[in-house]
Amino acid sequence: MLMIRAVIRPERMNSVLSELLNAGFPAVTRLDVYGRGKQKGLTVGEIHYDELPKQMLLIVVNDEDKDDLIRVIMRAARTGEGHLGDGRIFVSPVEEAYTVSTGKPGL
């Protein structure tokens, strides 16, 4: 199993969630987060915004579903070729997962 953490622009959230559902990935945890990436924030006039609002999705999938999931997120989250600030996707191993209501292991 793998944990996919996707940090995306808030305005792309509805599109990403819709595409994930259509692709067969209905289970998602969503968090409001703030941060900055390679662009080091955003400057508008004389005001510098050091941390920008983003959304983070947490999704646990079987190893064989990783590439499909990443393709869906990339397609739905991208605002245009080469635009900074569209987000990042991180992949980490998950050793175990349990359903609280049943106590059963696995997805």
C-alpha atoms as a PDB file:
ATOM      1  CA  MET A   1       0.000   0.000   0.000  1.00  0.00           C
ATOM      2  CA  LEU A   2       1.062   3.562  -0.662  1.00  0.00           C
ATOM      3  CA  MET A   3       0.090   6.943   0.770  1.00  0.00           C
ATOM      4  CA  ILE A   4      -0.260   9.631  -1.874  1.00  0.00           C
ATOM      5  CA  ARG A   5      -0.100  13.197  -0.557  1.00  0.00           C
ATOM      6  CA  ALA A   6      -1.060  15.764  -3.148  1.00  0.00           C
ATOM      7  CA  VAL A   7      -0.739  19.478  -2.431  1.00  0.00           C
ATOM      8  CA  ILE A   8      -2.762  21.454  -4.975  1.00  0.00           C
ATOM      9  CA  ARG A   9      -4.287  24.876  -5.609  1.00  0.00           C
ATOM     10  CA  PRO A  10      -7.622  25.347  -3.784  1.00  0.00           C
ATOM     11  CA  GLU A  11      -9.373  26.394  -7.000  1.00  0.00           C
ATOM     12  CA  ARG A  12      -8.531  23.004  -8.585  1.00  0.00           C
ATOM     13  CA  MET A  13      -9.994  20.949  -5.696  1.00  0.00           C
ATOM     14  CA  ASN A  14     -13.478  20.349  -7.150  1.00  0.00           C
ATOM     15  CA  SER A  15     -12.017  19.271 -10.479  1.00  0.00           C
ATOM     16  CA  VAL A  16      -9.547  16.892  -8.810  1.00  0.00           C
ATOM     17  CA  LEU A  17     -12.176  15.345  -6.512  1.00  0.00           C
ATOM     18  CA  SER A  18     -14.567  14.854  -9.421  1.00  0.00           C
ATOM     19  CA  GLU A  19     -11.911  13.216 -11.578  1.00  0.00           C
ATOM     20  CA  LEU A  20     -10.799  10.954  -8.707  1.00  0.00           C
ATOM     21  CA  LEU A  21     -14.366   9.785  -8.173  1.00  0.00           C
ATOM     22  CA  ASN A  22     -14.860   9.140 -11.901  1.00  0.00           C
ATOM     23  CA  ALA A  23     -11.601   7.168 -12.015  1.00  0.00           C
ATOM     24  CA  GLY A  24     -12.653   4.897  -9.140  1.00  0.00           C
ATOM     25  CA  PHE A  25     -10.807   6.587  -6.271  1.00  0.00           C
ATOM     26  CA  PRO A  26     -13.648   7.725  -3.961  1.00  0.00           C
ATOM     27  CA  ALA A  27     -11.768   7.559  -0.619  1.00  0.00           C
ATOM     28  CA  VAL A  28      -9.979  10.863   0.041  1.00  0.00           C
ATOM     29  CA  THR A  29      -9.003  12.901   3.089  1.00  0.00           C
ATOM     30  CA  ARG A  30      -8.787  16.648   2.450  1.00  0.00           C
ATOM     31  CA  LEU A  31      -6.918  19.229   4.531  1.00  0.00           C
ATOM     32  CA  ASP A  32      -6.520  23.002   4.328  1.00  0.00           C
ATOM     33  CA  VAL A  33      -2.793  23.772   4.422  1.00  0.00           C
ATOM     34  CA  TYR A  34      -0.505  26.770   3.909  1.00  0.00           C
ATOM     35  CA  GLY A  35       2.979  26.886   2.508  1.00  0.00           C
ATOM     36  CA  ARG A  36       5.304  27.946  -0.246  1.00  0.00           C
ATOM     37  CA  GLY A  37       7.174  26.116  -2.946  1.00  0.00           C
ATOM     38  CA  LYS A  38       9.942  26.958  -5.367  1.00  0.00           C
ATOM     39  CA  GLN A  39       8.314  30.299  -6.131  1.00  0.00           C
ATOM     40  CA  LYS A  40       9.000  31.362  -2.496  1.00  0.00           C
ATOM     41  CA  GLY A  41       5.577  32.874  -2.012  1.00  0.00           C
ATOM     42  CA  LEU A  42       3.874  35.525  -4.098  1.00  0.00           C
ATOM     43  CA  THR A  43       4.502  39.258  -4.457  1.00  0.00           C
ATOM     44  CA  VAL A  44       1.665  41.556  -5.509  1.00  0.00           C
ATOM     45  CA  GLY A  45       2.810  45.154  -5.752  1.00  0.00           C
ATOM     46  CA  GLU A  46       4.678  45.853  -2.538  1.00  0.00           C
ATOM     47  CA  ILE A  47       3.017  43.060  -0.555  1.00  0.00           C
ATOM     48  CA  HIS A  48       4.747  39.680  -0.240  1.00  0.00           C
ATOM     49  CA  TYR A  49       2.674  36.643   0.725  1.00  0.00           C
ATOM     50  CA  ASP A  50       5.116  34.188   2.263  1.00  0.00           C
ATOM     51  CA  GLU A  51       2.665  31.316   2.728  1.00  0.00           C
ATOM     52  CA  LEU A  52      -0.132  30.583   0.283  1.00  0.00           C
ATOM     53  CA  PRO A  53      -3.329  28.622   0.894  1.00  0.00           C
ATOM     54  CA  LYS A  54      -3.299  25.130  -0.618  1.00  0.00           C
ATOM     55  CA  GLN A  55      -5.293  21.927  -0.256  1.00  0.00           C
ATOM     56  CA  MET A  56      -3.752  18.572   0.621  1.00  0.00           C
ATOM     57  CA  LEU A  57      -5.288  15.264  -0.366  1.00  0.00           C
ATOM     58  CA  LEU A  58      -4.338  12.064   1.450  1.00  0.00           C
ATOM     59  CA  ILE A  59      -5.135   8.879  -0.447  1.00  0.00           C
ATOM     60  CA  VAL A  60      -4.052   5.317   0.348  1.00  0.00           C
ATOM     61  CA  VAL A  61      -3.980   2.957  -2.634  1.00  0.00           C
ATOM     62  CA  ASN A  62      -2.651  -0.439  -3.585  1.00  0.00           C
ATOM     63  CA  ASP A  63       0.775  -0.283  -5.223  1.00  0.00           C
ATOM     64  CA  GLU A  64      -0.598  -1.205  -8.653  1.00  0.00           C
ATOM     65  CA  ASP A  65      -3.001   1.801  -8.622  1.00  0.00           C
ATOM     66  CA  LYS A  66      -0.308   4.414  -7.979  1.00  0.00           C
ATOM     67  CA  ASP A  67       0.423   5.402 -11.577  1.00  0.00           C
ATOM     68  CA  ASP A  68      -3.266   5.747 -12.505  1.00  0.00           C
ATOM     69  CA  LEU A  69      -3.976   7.852  -9.421  1.00  0.00           C
ATOM     70  CA  ILE A  70      -1.035  10.170 -10.064  1.00  0.00           C
ATOM     71  CA  ARG A  71      -2.082  10.629 -13.716  1.00  0.00           C
ATOM     72  CA  VAL A  72      -5.613  11.615 -12.630  1.00  0.00           C
ATOM     73  CA  ILE A  73      -4.346  14.140 -10.075  1.00  0.00           C
ATOM     74  CA  MET A  74      -1.790  15.631 -12.482  1.00  0.00           C
ATOM     75  CA  ARG A  75      -4.354  16.040 -15.255  1.00  0.00           C
ATOM     76  CA  ALA A  76      -7.012  17.615 -13.011  1.00  0.00           C
ATOM     77  CA  ALA A  77      -4.706  19.829 -10.899  1.00  0.00           C
ATOM     78  CA  ARG A  78      -2.568  21.337 -13.659  1.00  0.00           C
ATOM     79  CA  THR A  79      -3.453  24.916 -14.633  1.00  0.00           C
ATOM     80  CA  GLY A  80      -1.086  25.091 -17.601  1.00  0.00           C
ATOM     81  CA  GLU A  81       2.243  23.807 -18.812  1.00  0.00           C
ATOM     82  CA  GLY A  82       5.057  24.994 -16.584  1.00  0.00           C
ATOM     83  CA  HIS A  83       3.034  27.131 -14.175  1.00  0.00           C
ATOM     84  CA  LEU A  84       4.694  27.344 -10.778  1.00  0.00           C
ATOM     85  CA  GLY A  85       2.464  26.727  -7.783  1.00  0.00           C
ATOM     86  CA  ASP A  86       0.286  23.966  -9.268  1.00  0.00           C
ATOM     87  CA  GLY A  87       1.404  21.645  -6.483  1.00  0.00           C
ATOM     88  CA  ARG A  88       3.400  18.546  -5.584  1.00  0.00           C
ATOM     89  CA  ILE A  89       2.676  14.856  -5.170  1.00  0.00           C
ATOM     90  CA  PHE A  90       4.489  12.740  -2.591  1.00  0.00           C
ATOM     91  CA  VAL A  91       4.434   8.931  -2.420  1.00  0.00           C
ATOM     92  CA  SER A  92       5.223   7.025   0.798  1.00  0.00           C
ATOM     93  CA  PRO A  93       4.873   3.386   1.812  1.00  0.00           C
ATOM     94  CA  VAL A  94       2.086   2.375   4.207  1.00  0.00           C
ATOM     95  CA  GLU A  95       2.926  -0.662   6.300  1.00  0.00           C
ATOM     96  CA  GLU A  96      -0.549  -1.314   7.676  1.00  0.00           C
ATOM     97  CA  ALA A  97      -4.094   0.066   7.561  1.00  0.00           C
ATOM     98  CA  TYR A  98      -7.166  -0.899   9.595  1.00  0.00           C
ATOM     99  CA  THR A  99     -10.854  -0.113   9.340  1.00  0.00           C
ATOM    100  CA  VAL A 100     -11.901   1.241  12.744  1.00  0.00           C
ATOM    101  CA  SER A 101     -15.496  -0.028  12.649  1.00  0.00           C
ATOM    102  CA  THR A 102     -14.555  -3.640  11.838  1.00  0.00           C
ATOM    103  CA  GLY A 103     -10.976  -3.878  13.038  1.00  0.00           C
ATOM    104  CA  LYS A 104     -10.070  -5.543   9.728  1.00  0.00           C
ATOM    105  CA  PRO A 105      -6.694  -4.872   8.141  1.00  0.00           C
ATOM    106  CA  GLY A 106      -6.200  -3.675   4.557  1.00  0.00           C
ATOM    107  CA  LEU A 107      -7.992  -1.231   2.340  1.00  0.00           C
END
